[in-house]
Amino acid sequence: MNILGSAAIVRSTDREGTVLRVGALFGTPPLHEFQIAGRNLHVTVFPGISVLSGDVVALAPFADLRATVFVGSLREVEAELRQSGWTPEGPLGEGASLLARDPDGNLIEFVESTSGTT
């Protein structure tokens, strides 16, 4: 598995407040912000941490989401995950994304990236 980087996930129903606090903590504005198509969720990316925000209902399916891991190839990662006991659960949004749950119930998002975004 070719891991290019990772980011911890912070869930929040108060996007503005959380983004201000995380921005102050890191001393930087967000690197990137976007909405997840088809879901009432917004992502705000900082170095090494991403804020996943939305209402309680939109966030509920992602209560166990721990991190995003950036990989070189989702196809290779999915095969390795299945072999080691993970259960793929589909994408978080559009694009090259795969949610997978480990045997302990932790949910990780794997994103195919050539840039190694962290």
PDB file of N, CA and C in Angstrom:
ATOM      1  N   MET A   1       0.852  -1.174   0.000  1.00  0.00           N
ATOM      2  CA  MET A   1       0.000   0.000   0.000  1.00  0.00           C
ATOM      3  C   MET A   1       0.894   1.232   0.000  1.00  0.00           C
ATOM      4  N   ASN A   2       0.664   2.120  -0.942  1.00  0.00           N
ATOM      5  CA  ASN A   2       1.447   3.340  -1.063  1.00  0.00           C
ATOM      6  C   ASN A   2       0.698   4.495  -0.387  1.00  0.00           C
ATOM      7  N   ILE A   3       1.024   4.778   0.882  1.00  0.00           N
ATOM      8  CA  ILE A   3       0.372   5.854   1.626  1.00  0.00           C
ATOM      9  C   ILE A   3       1.152   7.141   1.408  1.00  0.00           C
ATOM     10  N   LEU A   4       0.427   8.178   0.961  1.00  0.00           N
ATOM     11  CA  LEU A   4       1.040   9.461   0.634  1.00  0.00           C
ATOM     12  C   LEU A   4       0.878  10.500   1.734  1.00  0.00           C
ATOM     13  N   GLY A   5      -0.042  10.266   2.652  1.00  0.00           N
ATOM     14  CA  GLY A   5      -0.279  11.205   3.740  1.00  0.00           C
ATOM     15  C   GLY A   5      -1.567  10.864   4.448  1.00  0.00           C
ATOM     16  N   SER A   6      -1.885  11.627   5.479  1.00  0.00           N
ATOM     17  CA  SER A   6      -3.122  11.388   6.210  1.00  0.00           C
ATOM     18  C   SER A   6      -3.560  12.663   6.911  1.00  0.00           C
ATOM     19  N   ALA A   7      -4.829  12.669   7.300  1.00  0.00           N
ATOM     20  CA  ALA A   7      -5.394  13.793   8.042  1.00  0.00           C
ATOM     21  C   ALA A   7      -6.408  13.250   9.034  1.00  0.00           C
ATOM     22  N   ALA A   8      -6.324  13.691  10.271  1.00  0.00           N
ATOM     23  CA  ALA A   8      -7.326  13.333  11.274  1.00  0.00           C
ATOM     24  C   ALA A   8      -8.628  14.046  10.930  1.00  0.00           C
ATOM     25  N   ILE A   9      -9.749  13.473  11.351  1.00  0.00           N
ATOM     26  CA  ILE A   9     -11.063  14.049  11.094  1.00  0.00           C
ATOM     27  C   ILE A   9     -11.655  14.579  12.393  1.00  0.00           C
ATOM     28  N   VAL A  10     -12.122  15.817  12.345  1.00  0.00           N
ATOM     29  CA  VAL A  10     -12.868  16.419  13.446  1.00  0.00           C
ATOM     30  C   VAL A  10     -14.280  16.669  12.916  1.00  0.00           C
ATOM     31  N   ARG A  11     -15.294  16.114  13.579  1.00  0.00           N
ATOM     32  CA  ARG A  11     -16.676  16.331  13.176  1.00  0.00           C
ATOM     33  C   ARG A  11     -17.246  17.490  13.976  1.00  0.00           C
ATOM     34  N   SER A  12     -18.098  18.302  13.315  1.00  0.00           N
ATOM     35  CA  SER A  12     -18.659  19.451  14.007  1.00  0.00           C
ATOM     36  C   SER A  12     -20.007  19.850  13.418  1.00  0.00           C
ATOM     37  N   THR A  13     -20.922  20.244  14.304  1.00  0.00           N
ATOM     38  CA  THR A  13     -22.180  20.838  13.857  1.00  0.00           C
ATOM     39  C   THR A  13     -22.072  22.362  13.836  1.00  0.00           C
ATOM     40  N   ASP A  14     -20.954  22.897  14.307  1.00  0.00           N
ATOM     41  CA  ASP A  14     -20.691  24.343  14.320  1.00  0.00           C
ATOM     42  C   ASP A  14     -19.475  24.621  13.447  1.00  0.00           C
ATOM     43  N   ARG A  15     -19.685  24.643  12.131  1.00  0.00           N
ATOM     44  CA  ARG A  15     -18.580  24.807  11.182  1.00  0.00           C
ATOM     45  C   ARG A  15     -17.771  26.069  11.451  1.00  0.00           C
ATOM     46  N   GLU A  16     -18.447  27.209  11.545  1.00  0.00           N
ATOM     47  CA  GLU A  16     -17.732  28.480  11.724  1.00  0.00           C
ATOM     48  C   GLU A  16     -16.875  28.482  12.975  1.00  0.00           C
ATOM     49  N   GLY A  17     -17.441  28.071  14.099  1.00  0.00           N
ATOM     50  CA  GLY A  17     -16.693  28.056  15.356  1.00  0.00           C
ATOM     51  C   GLY A  17     -15.513  27.100  15.317  1.00  0.00           C
ATOM     52  N   THR A  18     -15.733  25.917  14.779  1.00  0.00           N
ATOM     53  CA  THR A  18     -14.660  24.927  14.722  1.00  0.00           C
ATOM     54  C   THR A  18     -13.551  25.376  13.786  1.00  0.00           C
ATOM     55  N   VAL A  19     -13.908  25.928  12.633  1.00  0.00           N
ATOM     56  CA  VAL A  19     -12.897  26.406  11.688  1.00  0.00           C
ATOM     57  C   VAL A  19     -12.072  27.534  12.311  1.00  0.00           C
ATOM     58  N   LEU A  20     -12.723  28.425  13.053  1.00  0.00           N
ATOM     59  CA  LEU A  20     -11.979  29.499  13.736  1.00  0.00           C
ATOM     60  C   LEU A  20     -11.010  28.922  14.773  1.00  0.00           C
ATOM     61  N   ARG A  21     -11.476  27.961  15.565  1.00  0.00           N
ATOM     62  CA  ARG A  21     -10.617  27.377  16.609  1.00  0.00           C
ATOM     63  C   ARG A  21      -9.444  26.607  16.002  1.00  0.00           C
ATOM     64  N   VAL A  22      -9.712  25.795  14.981  1.00  0.00           N
ATOM     65  CA  VAL A  22      -8.638  25.013  14.368  1.00  0.00           C
ATOM     66  C   VAL A  22      -7.669  25.944  13.641  1.00  0.00           C
ATOM     67  N   GLY A  23      -8.198  26.969  12.973  1.00  0.00           N
ATOM     68  CA  GLY A  23      -7.331  27.949  12.307  1.00  0.00           C
ATOM     69  C   GLY A  23      -6.423  28.656  13.295  1.00  0.00           C
ATOM     70  N   ALA A  24      -6.968  29.017  14.465  1.00  0.00           N
ATOM     71  CA  ALA A  24      -6.158  29.668  15.495  1.00  0.00           C
ATOM     72  C   ALA A  24      -5.100  28.701  16.040  1.00  0.00           C
ATOM     73  N   LEU A  25      -5.481  27.447  16.210  1.00  0.00           N
ATOM     74  CA  LEU A  25      -4.555  26.433  16.709  1.00  0.00           C
ATOM     75  C   LEU A  25      -3.362  26.274  15.766  1.00  0.00           C
ATOM     76  N   PHE A  26      -3.632  26.205  14.463  1.00  0.00           N
ATOM     77  CA  PHE A  26      -2.571  26.008  13.474  1.00  0.00           C
ATOM     78  C   PHE A  26      -1.956  27.325  12.994  1.00  0.00           C
ATOM     79  N   GLY A  27      -2.592  28.449  13.321  1.00  0.00           N
ATOM     80  CA  GLY A  27      -2.066  29.740  12.895  1.00  0.00           C
ATOM     81  C   GLY A  27      -2.126  29.934  11.381  1.00  0.00           C
ATOM     82  N   THR A  28      -3.140  29.346  10.750  1.00  0.00           N
ATOM     83  CA  THR A  28      -3.250  29.422   9.295  1.00  0.00           C
ATOM     84  C   THR A  28      -4.713  29.322   8.875  1.00  0.00           C
ATOM     85  N   PRO A  29      -5.052  29.960   7.782  1.00  0.00           N
ATOM     86  CA  PRO A  29      -6.404  29.755   7.247  1.00  0.00           C
ATOM     87  C   PRO A  29      -6.497  28.364   6.622  1.00  0.00           C
ATOM     88  N   PRO A  30      -7.701  27.906   6.326  1.00  0.00           N
ATOM     89  CA  PRO A  30      -7.846  26.591   5.688  1.00  0.00           C
ATOM     90  C   PRO A  30      -7.080  26.525   4.372  1.00  0.00           C
ATOM     91  N   LEU A  31      -6.562  25.328   4.077  1.00  0.00           N
ATOM     92  CA  LEU A  31      -5.883  25.100   2.810  1.00  0.00           C
ATOM     93  C   LEU A  31      -6.878  24.896   1.673  1.00  0.00           C
ATOM     94  N   HIS A  32      -8.041  24.332   2.027  1.00  0.00           N
ATOM     95  CA  HIS A  32      -9.027  23.984   1.014  1.00  0.00           C
ATOM     96  C   HIS A  32     -10.376  23.784   1.693  1.00  0.00           C
ATOM     97  N   GLU A  33     -11.459  24.165   1.020  1.00  0.00           N
ATOM     98  CA  GLU A  33     -12.802  23.943   1.535  1.00  0.00           C
ATOM     99  C   GLU A  33     -13.704  23.485   0.399  1.00  0.00           C
ATOM    100  N   PHE A  34     -14.611  22.547   0.696  1.00  0.00           N
ATOM    101  CA  PHE A  34     -15.553  22.096  -0.327  1.00  0.00           C
ATOM    102  C   PHE A  34     -16.736  21.398   0.325  1.00  0.00           C
ATOM    103  N   GLN A  35     -17.849  21.332  -0.420  1.00  0.00           N
ATOM    104  CA  GLN A  35     -19.017  20.581   0.015  1.00  0.00           C
ATOM    105  C   GLN A  35     -18.961  19.203  -0.613  1.00  0.00           C
ATOM    106  N   ILE A  36     -19.512  18.227   0.076  1.00  0.00           N
ATOM    107  CA  ILE A  36     -19.583  16.876  -0.463  1.00  0.00           C
ATOM    108  C   ILE A  36     -20.902  16.756  -1.211  1.00  0.00           C
ATOM    109  N   ALA A  37     -20.817  16.539  -2.510  1.00  0.00           N
ATOM    110  CA  ALA A  37     -22.002  16.447  -3.360  1.00  0.00           C
ATOM    111  C   ALA A  37     -22.920  15.329  -2.876  1.00  0.00           C
ATOM    112  N   GLY A  38     -24.206  15.624  -2.831  1.00  0.00           N
ATOM    113  CA  GLY A  38     -25.192  14.625  -2.447  1.00  0.00           C
ATOM    114  C   GLY A  38     -25.354  14.436  -0.954  1.00  0.00           C
ATOM    115  N   ARG A  39     -24.587  15.156  -0.165  1.00  0.00           N
ATOM    116  CA  ARG A  39     -24.690  15.064   1.299  1.00  0.00           C
ATOM    117  C   ARG A  39     -24.687  16.483   1.853  1.00  0.00           C
ATOM    118  N   ASN A  40     -25.284  16.672   2.983  1.00  0.00           N
ATOM    119  CA  ASN A  40     -25.320  17.982   3.625  1.00  0.00           C
ATOM    120  C   ASN A  40     -24.071  18.142   4.501  1.00  0.00           C
ATOM    121  N   LEU A  41     -22.898  17.979   3.875  1.00  0.00           N
ATOM    122  CA  LEU A  41     -21.625  18.017   4.595  1.00  0.00           C
ATOM    123  C   LEU A  41     -20.649  18.955   3.908  1.00  0.00           C
ATOM    124  N   HIS A  42     -19.795  19.560   4.710  1.00  0.00           N
ATOM    125  CA  HIS A  42     -18.777  20.491   4.238  1.00  0.00           C
ATOM    126  C   HIS A  42     -17.433  20.048   4.823  1.00  0.00           C
ATOM    127  N   VAL A  43     -16.371  20.127   4.034  1.00  0.00           N
ATOM    128  CA  VAL A  43     -15.030  19.763   4.498  1.00  0.00           C
ATOM    129  C   VAL A  43     -14.139  20.996   4.464  1.00  0.00           C
ATOM    130  N   THR A  44     -13.429  21.227   5.548  1.00  0.00           N
ATOM    131  CA  THR A  44     -12.457  22.305   5.637  1.00  0.00           C
ATOM    132  C   THR A  44     -11.121  21.666   6.007  1.00  0.00           C
ATOM    133  N   VAL A  45     -10.132  21.841   5.128  1.00  0.00           N
ATOM    134  CA  VAL A  45      -8.854  21.145   5.266  1.00  0.00           C
ATOM    135  C   VAL A  45      -7.772  22.073   5.826  1.00  0.00           C
ATOM    136  N   PHE A  46      -7.115  21.612   6.876  1.00  0.00           N
ATOM    137  CA  PHE A  46      -5.950  22.256   7.466  1.00  0.00           C
ATOM    138  C   PHE A  46      -4.783  21.266   7.359  1.00  0.00           C
ATOM    139  N   PRO A  47      -3.564  21.689   7.662  1.00  0.00           N
ATOM    140  CA  PRO A  47      -2.447  20.737   7.628  1.00  0.00           C
ATOM    141  C   PRO A  47      -2.658  19.608   8.645  1.00  0.00           C
ATOM    142  N   GLY A  48      -2.869  18.386   8.174  1.00  0.00           N
ATOM    143  CA  GLY A  48      -2.977  17.227   9.049  1.00  0.00           C
ATOM    144  C   GLY A  48      -4.309  17.017   9.732  1.00  0.00           C
ATOM    145  N   ILE A  49      -5.283  17.898   9.483  1.00  0.00           N
ATOM    146  CA  ILE A  49      -6.598  17.753  10.111  1.00  0.00           C
ATOM    147  C   ILE A  49      -7.655  18.302   9.168  1.00  0.00           C
ATOM    148  N   SER A  50      -8.788  17.617   9.102  1.00  0.00           N
ATOM    149  CA  SER A  50      -9.910  18.081   8.293  1.00  0.00           C
ATOM    150  C   SER A  50     -11.143  18.175   9.171  1.00  0.00           C
ATOM    151  N   VAL A  51     -11.894  19.251   9.010  1.00  0.00           N
ATOM    152  CA  VAL A  51     -13.141  19.445   9.733  1.00  0.00           C
ATOM    153  C   VAL A  51     -14.273  18.992   8.819  1.00  0.00           C
ATOM    154  N   LEU A  52     -15.040  18.018   9.275  1.00  0.00           N
ATOM    155  CA  LEU A  52     -16.220  17.546   8.563  1.00  0.00           C
ATOM    156  C   LEU A  52     -17.415  18.128   9.299  1.00  0.00           C
ATOM    157  N   SER A  53     -18.136  19.035   8.660  1.00  0.00           N
ATOM    158  CA  SER A  53     -19.222  19.717   9.354  1.00  0.00           C
ATOM    159  C   SER A  53     -20.544  19.535   8.624  1.00  0.00           C
ATOM    160  N   GLY A  54     -21.589  19.579   9.419  1.00  0.00           N
ATOM    161  CA  GLY A  54     -22.947  19.446   8.919  1.00  0.00           C
ATOM    162  C   GLY A  54     -23.884  19.326  10.105  1.00  0.00           C
ATOM    163  N   ASP A  55     -25.156  19.066   9.812  1.00  0.00           N
ATOM    164  CA  ASP A  55     -26.088  18.897  10.921  1.00  0.00           C
ATOM    165  C   ASP A  55     -25.945  17.496  11.512  1.00  0.00           C
ATOM    166  N   VAL A  56     -26.599  17.279  12.621  1.00  0.00           N
ATOM    167  CA  VAL A  56     -26.481  16.021  13.347  1.00  0.00           C
ATOM    168  C   VAL A  56     -26.860  14.825  12.469  1.00  0.00           C
ATOM    169  N   VAL A  57     -27.910  14.978  11.683  1.00  0.00           N
ATOM    170  CA  VAL A  57     -28.376  13.878  10.832  1.00  0.00           C
ATOM    171  C   VAL A  57     -27.344  13.544   9.761  1.00  0.00           C
ATOM    172  N   ALA A  58     -26.760  14.561   9.124  1.00  0.00           N
ATOM    173  CA  ALA A  58     -25.764  14.332   8.068  1.00  0.00           C
ATOM    174  C   ALA A  58     -24.480  13.724   8.629  1.00  0.00           C
ATOM    175  N   LEU A  59     -24.109  14.099   9.851  1.00  0.00           N
ATOM    176  CA  LEU A  59     -22.880  13.587  10.465  1.00  0.00           C
ATOM    177  C   LEU A  59     -23.035  12.186  11.062  1.00  0.00           C
ATOM    178  N   ALA A  60     -24.256  11.789  11.400  1.00  0.00           N
ATOM    179  CA  ALA A  60     -24.492  10.519  12.109  1.00  0.00           C
ATOM    180  C   ALA A  60     -23.838   9.302  11.453  1.00  0.00           C
ATOM    181  N   PRO A  61     -23.928   9.120  10.129  1.00  0.00           N
ATOM    182  CA  PRO A  61     -23.301   7.924   9.540  1.00  0.00           C
ATOM    183  C   PRO A  61     -21.781   7.904   9.653  1.00  0.00           C
ATOM    184  N   PHE A  62     -21.181   9.028  10.042  1.00  0.00           N
ATOM    185  CA  PHE A  62     -19.733   9.144  10.080  1.00  0.00           C
ATOM    186  C   PHE A  62     -19.197   9.312  11.504  1.00  0.00           C
ATOM    187  N   ALA A  63     -19.979   8.872  12.480  1.00  0.00           N
ATOM    188  CA  ALA A  63     -19.567   8.979  13.885  1.00  0.00           C
ATOM    189  C   ALA A  63     -18.266   8.226  14.155  1.00  0.00           C
ATOM    190  N   ASP A  64     -18.007   7.159  13.392  1.00  0.00           N
ATOM    191  CA  ASP A  64     -16.795   6.358  13.592  1.00  0.00           C
ATOM    192  C   ASP A  64     -15.657   6.757  12.652  1.00  0.00           C
ATOM    193  N   LEU A  65     -15.852   7.812  11.850  1.00  0.00           N
ATOM    194  CA  LEU A  65     -14.816   8.231  10.900  1.00  0.00           C
ATOM    195  C   LEU A  65     -13.642   8.840  11.659  1.00  0.00           C
ATOM    196  N   ARG A  66     -12.461   8.244  11.496  1.00  0.00           N
ATOM    197  CA  ARG A  66     -11.278   8.645  12.252  1.00  0.00           C
ATOM    198  C   ARG A  66     -10.292   9.490  11.462  1.00  0.00           C
ATOM    199  N   ALA A  67     -10.120   9.170  10.165  1.00  0.00           N
ATOM    200  CA  ALA A  67      -9.076   9.854   9.389  1.00  0.00           C
ATOM    201  C   ALA A  67      -9.310   9.663   7.906  1.00  0.00           C
ATOM    202  N   THR A  68      -8.616  10.485   7.146  1.00  0.00           N
ATOM    203  CA  THR A  68      -8.503  10.312   5.704  1.00  0.00           C
ATOM    204  C   THR A  68      -7.070   9.916   5.422  1.00  0.00           C
ATOM    205  N   VAL A  69      -6.896   8.878   4.625  1.00  0.00           N
ATOM    206  CA  VAL A  69      -5.567   8.410   4.240  1.00  0.00           C
ATOM    207  C   VAL A  69      -5.457   8.578   2.729  1.00  0.00           C
ATOM    208  N   PHE A  70      -4.434   9.283   2.286  1.00  0.00           N
ATOM    209  CA  PHE A  70      -4.205   9.526   0.861  1.00  0.00           C
ATOM    210  C   PHE A  70      -3.298   8.434   0.318  1.00  0.00           C
ATOM    211  N   VAL A  71      -3.751   7.785  -0.753  1.00  0.00           N
ATOM    212  CA  VAL A  71      -3.045   6.631  -1.314  1.00  0.00           C
ATOM    213  C   VAL A  71      -2.821   6.821  -2.815  1.00  0.00           C
ATOM    214  N   GLY A  72      -1.904   6.031  -3.344  1.00  0.00           N
ATOM    215  CA  GLY A  72      -1.595   6.098  -4.765  1.00  0.00           C
ATOM    216  C   GLY A  72      -2.624   5.415  -5.643  1.00  0.00           C
ATOM    217  N   SER A  73      -3.234   4.321  -5.166  1.00  0.00           N
ATOM    218  CA  SER A  73      -4.185   3.563  -5.978  1.00  0.00           C
ATOM    219  C   SER A  73      -5.277   2.962  -5.090  1.00  0.00           C
ATOM    220  N   LEU A  74      -6.516   3.394  -5.303  1.00  0.00           N
ATOM    221  CA  LEU A  74      -7.625   2.831  -4.535  1.00  0.00           C
ATOM    222  C   LEU A  74      -7.849   1.362  -4.854  1.00  0.00           C
ATOM    223  N   ARG A  75      -7.655   0.979  -6.088  1.00  0.00           N
ATOM    224  CA  ARG A  75      -7.862  -0.426  -6.471  1.00  0.00           C
ATOM    225  C   ARG A  75      -6.925  -1.333  -5.671  1.00  0.00           C
ATOM    226  N   GLU A  76      -5.646  -0.958  -5.582  1.00  0.00           N
ATOM    227  CA  GLU A  76      -4.692  -1.753  -4.809  1.00  0.00           C
ATOM    228  C   GLU A  76      -5.037  -1.752  -3.323  1.00  0.00           C
ATOM    229  N   VAL A  77      -5.407  -0.578  -2.812  1.00  0.00           N
ATOM    230  CA  VAL A  77      -5.741  -0.451  -1.398  1.00  0.00           C
ATOM    231  C   VAL A  77      -6.955  -1.299  -1.056  1.00  0.00           C
ATOM    232  N   GLU A  78      -7.981  -1.251  -1.887  1.00  0.00           N
ATOM    233  CA  GLU A  78      -9.190  -2.023  -1.591  1.00  0.00           C
ATOM    234  C   GLU A  78      -8.882  -3.511  -1.516  1.00  0.00           C
ATOM    235  N   ALA A  79      -8.073  -4.009  -2.421  1.00  0.00           N
ATOM    236  CA  ALA A  79      -7.703  -5.427  -2.392  1.00  0.00           C
ATOM    237  C   ALA A  79      -6.952  -5.770  -1.102  1.00  0.00           C
ATOM    238  N   GLU A  80      -6.008  -4.924  -0.708  1.00  0.00           N
ATOM    239  CA  GLU A  80      -5.243  -5.168   0.523  1.00  0.00           C
ATOM    240  C   GLU A  80      -6.130  -5.082   1.758  1.00  0.00           C
ATOM    241  N   LEU A  81      -7.047  -4.117   1.762  1.00  0.00           N
ATOM    242  CA  LEU A  81      -7.950  -3.974   2.903  1.00  0.00           C
ATOM    243  C   LEU A  81      -8.823  -5.209   3.067  1.00  0.00           C
ATOM    244  N   ARG A  82      -9.400  -5.683   1.984  1.00  0.00           N
ATOM    245  CA  ARG A  82     -10.253  -6.886   2.039  1.00  0.00           C
ATOM    246  C   ARG A  82      -9.467  -8.091   2.577  1.00  0.00           C
ATOM    247  N   GLN A  83      -8.221  -8.235   2.125  1.00  0.00           N
ATOM    248  CA  GLN A  83      -7.393  -9.364   2.559  1.00  0.00           C
ATOM    249  C   GLN A  83      -7.080  -9.304   4.047  1.00  0.00           C
ATOM    250  N   SER A  84      -7.034  -8.082   4.602  1.00  0.00           N
ATOM    251  CA  SER A  84      -6.668  -7.959   6.013  1.00  0.00           C
ATOM    252  C   SER A  84      -7.877  -7.728   6.925  1.00  0.00           C
ATOM    253  N   GLY A  85      -9.098  -8.021   6.412  1.00  0.00           N
ATOM    254  CA  GLY A  85     -10.271  -8.006   7.275  1.00  0.00           C
ATOM    255  C   GLY A  85     -11.089  -6.733   7.296  1.00  0.00           C
ATOM    256  N   TRP A  86     -10.744  -5.752   6.503  1.00  0.00           N
ATOM    257  CA  TRP A  86     -11.525  -4.521   6.429  1.00  0.00           C
ATOM    258  C   TRP A  86     -12.776  -4.759   5.585  1.00  0.00           C
ATOM    259  N   THR A  87     -13.820  -3.947   5.823  1.00  0.00           N
ATOM    260  CA  THR A  87     -15.051  -4.027   5.046  1.00  0.00           C
ATOM    261  C   THR A  87     -15.255  -2.708   4.298  1.00  0.00           C
ATOM    262  N   PRO A  88     -15.124  -2.696   2.980  1.00  0.00           N
ATOM    263  CA  PRO A  88     -15.391  -1.476   2.201  1.00  0.00           C
ATOM    264  C   PRO A  88     -16.864  -1.083   2.315  1.00  0.00           C
ATOM    265  N   GLU A  89     -17.111   0.223   2.439  1.00  0.00           N
ATOM    266  CA  GLU A  89     -18.484   0.727   2.596  1.00  0.00           C
ATOM    267  C   GLU A  89     -18.868   1.735   1.525  1.00  0.00           C
ATOM    268  N   GLY A  90     -18.079   1.882   0.474  1.00  0.00           N
ATOM    269  CA  GLY A  90     -18.416   2.821  -0.594  1.00  0.00           C
ATOM    270  C   GLY A  90     -17.747   4.165  -0.403  1.00  0.00           C
ATOM    271  N   PRO A  91     -18.026   5.110  -1.289  1.00  0.00           N
ATOM    272  CA  PRO A  91     -17.371   6.419  -1.233  1.00  0.00           C
ATOM    273  C   PRO A  91     -18.033   7.378  -0.245  1.00  0.00           C
ATOM    274  N   LEU A  92     -17.281   8.365   0.211  1.00  0.00           N
ATOM    275  CA  LEU A  92     -17.842   9.442   1.025  1.00  0.00           C
ATOM    276  C   LEU A  92     -18.511  10.460   0.116  1.00  0.00           C
ATOM    277  N   GLY A  93     -17.849  10.775  -0.982  1.00  0.00           N
ATOM    278  CA  GLY A  93     -18.398  11.722  -1.956  1.00  0.00           C
ATOM    279  C   GLY A  93     -18.026  11.278  -3.349  1.00  0.00           C
ATOM    280  N   GLU A  94     -18.147  12.192  -4.291  1.00  0.00           N
ATOM    281  CA  GLU A  94     -17.759  11.884  -5.655  1.00  0.00           C
ATOM    282  C   GLU A  94     -16.244  11.826  -5.761  1.00  0.00           C
ATOM    283  N   GLY A  95     -15.756  11.187  -6.799  1.00  0.00           N
ATOM    284  CA  GLY A  95     -14.320  11.120  -6.993  1.00  0.00           C
ATOM    285  C   GLY A  95     -13.735   9.847  -6.430  1.00  0.00           C
ATOM    286  N   ALA A  96     -12.443   9.833  -6.311  1.00  0.00           N
ATOM    287  CA  ALA A  96     -11.708   8.633  -5.910  1.00  0.00           C
ATOM    288  C   ALA A  96     -11.628   8.537  -4.391  1.00  0.00           C
ATOM    289  N   SER A  97     -12.701   8.043  -3.787  1.00  0.00           N
ATOM    290  CA  SER A  97     -12.811   7.938  -2.335  1.00  0.00           C
ATOM    291  C   SER A  97     -13.391   6.571  -1.975  1.00  0.00           C
ATOM    292  N   LEU A  98     -12.918   5.997  -0.881  1.00  0.00           N
ATOM    293  CA  LEU A  98     -13.449   4.729  -0.396  1.00  0.00           C
ATOM    294  C   LEU A  98     -13.469   4.757   1.126  1.00  0.00           C
ATOM    295  N   LEU A  99     -14.629   4.545   1.701  1.00  0.00           N
ATOM    296  CA  LEU A  99     -14.748   4.361   3.139  1.00  0.00           C
ATOM    297  C   LEU A  99     -14.578   2.880   3.435  1.00  0.00           C
ATOM    298  N   ALA A 100     -13.813   2.558   4.472  1.00  0.00           N
ATOM    299  CA  ALA A 100     -13.632   1.161   4.863  1.00  0.00           C
ATOM    300  C   ALA A 100     -13.581   1.085   6.389  1.00  0.00           C
ATOM    301  N   ARG A 101     -14.149   0.011   6.915  1.00  0.00           N
ATOM    302  CA  ARG A 101     -14.226  -0.192   8.366  1.00  0.00           C
ATOM    303  C   ARG A 101     -13.338  -1.366   8.757  1.00  0.00           C
ATOM    304  N   ASP A 102     -12.516  -1.162   9.792  1.00  0.00           N
ATOM    305  CA  ASP A 102     -11.662  -2.251  10.268  1.00  0.00           C
ATOM    306  C   ASP A 102     -12.467  -3.160  11.200  1.00  0.00           C
ATOM    307  N   PRO A 103     -11.918  -4.311  11.591  1.00  0.00           N
ATOM    308  CA  PRO A 103     -12.658  -5.233  12.452  1.00  0.00           C
ATOM    309  C   PRO A 103     -13.053  -4.654  13.809  1.00  0.00           C
ATOM    310  N   ASP A 104     -12.394  -3.587  14.260  1.00  0.00           N
ATOM    311  CA  ASP A 104     -12.743  -2.942  15.530  1.00  0.00           C
ATOM    312  C   ASP A 104     -13.839  -1.897  15.377  1.00  0.00           C
ATOM    313  N   GLY A 105     -14.283  -1.639  14.132  1.00  0.00           N
ATOM    314  CA  GLY A 105     -15.354  -0.677  13.894  1.00  0.00           C
ATOM    315  C   GLY A 105     -14.897   0.713  13.497  1.00  0.00           C
ATOM    316  N   ASN A 106     -13.577   0.946  13.441  1.00  0.00           N
ATOM    317  CA  ASN A 106     -13.074   2.255  13.032  1.00  0.00           C
ATOM    318  C   ASN A 106     -13.295   2.452  11.543  1.00  0.00           C
ATOM    319  N   LEU A 107     -13.770   3.638  11.172  1.00  0.00           N
ATOM    320  CA  LEU A 107     -14.038   3.973   9.789  1.00  0.00           C
ATOM    321  C   LEU A 107     -12.947   4.918   9.289  1.00  0.00           C
ATOM    322  N   ILE A 108     -12.328   4.573   8.166  1.00  0.00           N
ATOM    323  CA  ILE A 108     -11.270   5.379   7.560  1.00  0.00           C
ATOM    324  C   ILE A 108     -11.674   5.676   6.120  1.00  0.00           C
ATOM    325  N   GLU A 109     -11.414   6.873   5.675  1.00  0.00           N
ATOM    326  CA  GLU A 109     -11.625   7.222   4.270  1.00  0.00           C
ATOM    327  C   GLU A 109     -10.282   7.131   3.565  1.00  0.00           C
ATOM    328  N   PHE A 110     -10.265   6.446   2.451  1.00  0.00           N
ATOM    329  CA  PHE A 110      -9.079   6.352   1.609  1.00  0.00           C
ATOM    330  C   PHE A 110      -9.361   7.166   0.346  1.00  0.00           C
ATOM    331  N   VAL A 111      -8.430   8.059   0.011  1.00  0.00           N
ATOM    332  CA  VAL A 111      -8.598   8.943  -1.141  1.00  0.00           C
ATOM    333  C   VAL A 111      -7.405   8.755  -2.072  1.00  0.00           C
ATOM    334  N   GLU A 112      -7.709   8.507  -3.340  1.00  0.00           N
ATOM    335  CA  GLU A 112      -6.631   8.363  -4.322  1.00  0.00           C
ATOM    336  C   GLU A 112      -6.092   9.739  -4.666  1.00  0.00           C
ATOM    337  N   SER A 113      -4.799   9.906  -4.523  1.00  0.00           N
ATOM    338  CA  SER A 113      -4.167  11.198  -4.742  1.00  0.00           C
ATOM    339  C   SER A 113      -2.758  10.993  -5.285  1.00  0.00           C
ATOM    340  N   THR A 114      -2.385  11.792  -6.236  1.00  0.00           N
ATOM    341  CA  THR A 114      -1.019  11.725  -6.741  1.00  0.00           C
ATOM    342  C   THR A 114      -0.140  12.804  -6.113  1.00  0.00           C
ATOM    343  N   SER A 115      -0.779  13.744  -5.384  1.00  0.00           N
ATOM    344  CA  SER A 115      -0.007  14.849  -4.836  1.00  0.00           C
ATOM    345  C   SER A 115       0.468  14.621  -3.404  1.00  0.00           C
ATOM    346  N   GLY A 116      -0.099  13.620  -2.714  1.00  0.00           N
ATOM    347  CA  GLY A 116       0.323  13.370  -1.329  1.00  0.00           C
ATOM    348  C   GLY A 116      -0.219  14.415  -0.382  1.00  0.00           C
ATOM    349  N   THR A 117      -1.399  14.941  -0.661  1.00  0.00           N
ATOM    350  CA  THR A 117      -2.018  15.958   0.177  1.00  0.00           C
ATOM    351  C   THR A 117      -2.180  15.449   1.599  1.00  0.00           C
ATOM    352  N   THR A 118      -1.762  16.256   2.571  1.00  0.00           N
ATOM    353  CA  THR A 118      -1.925  15.878   3.983  1.00  0.00           C
ATOM    354  C   THR A 118      -2.703  16.901   4.747  1.00  0.00           C
TER     355      THR A 118
END
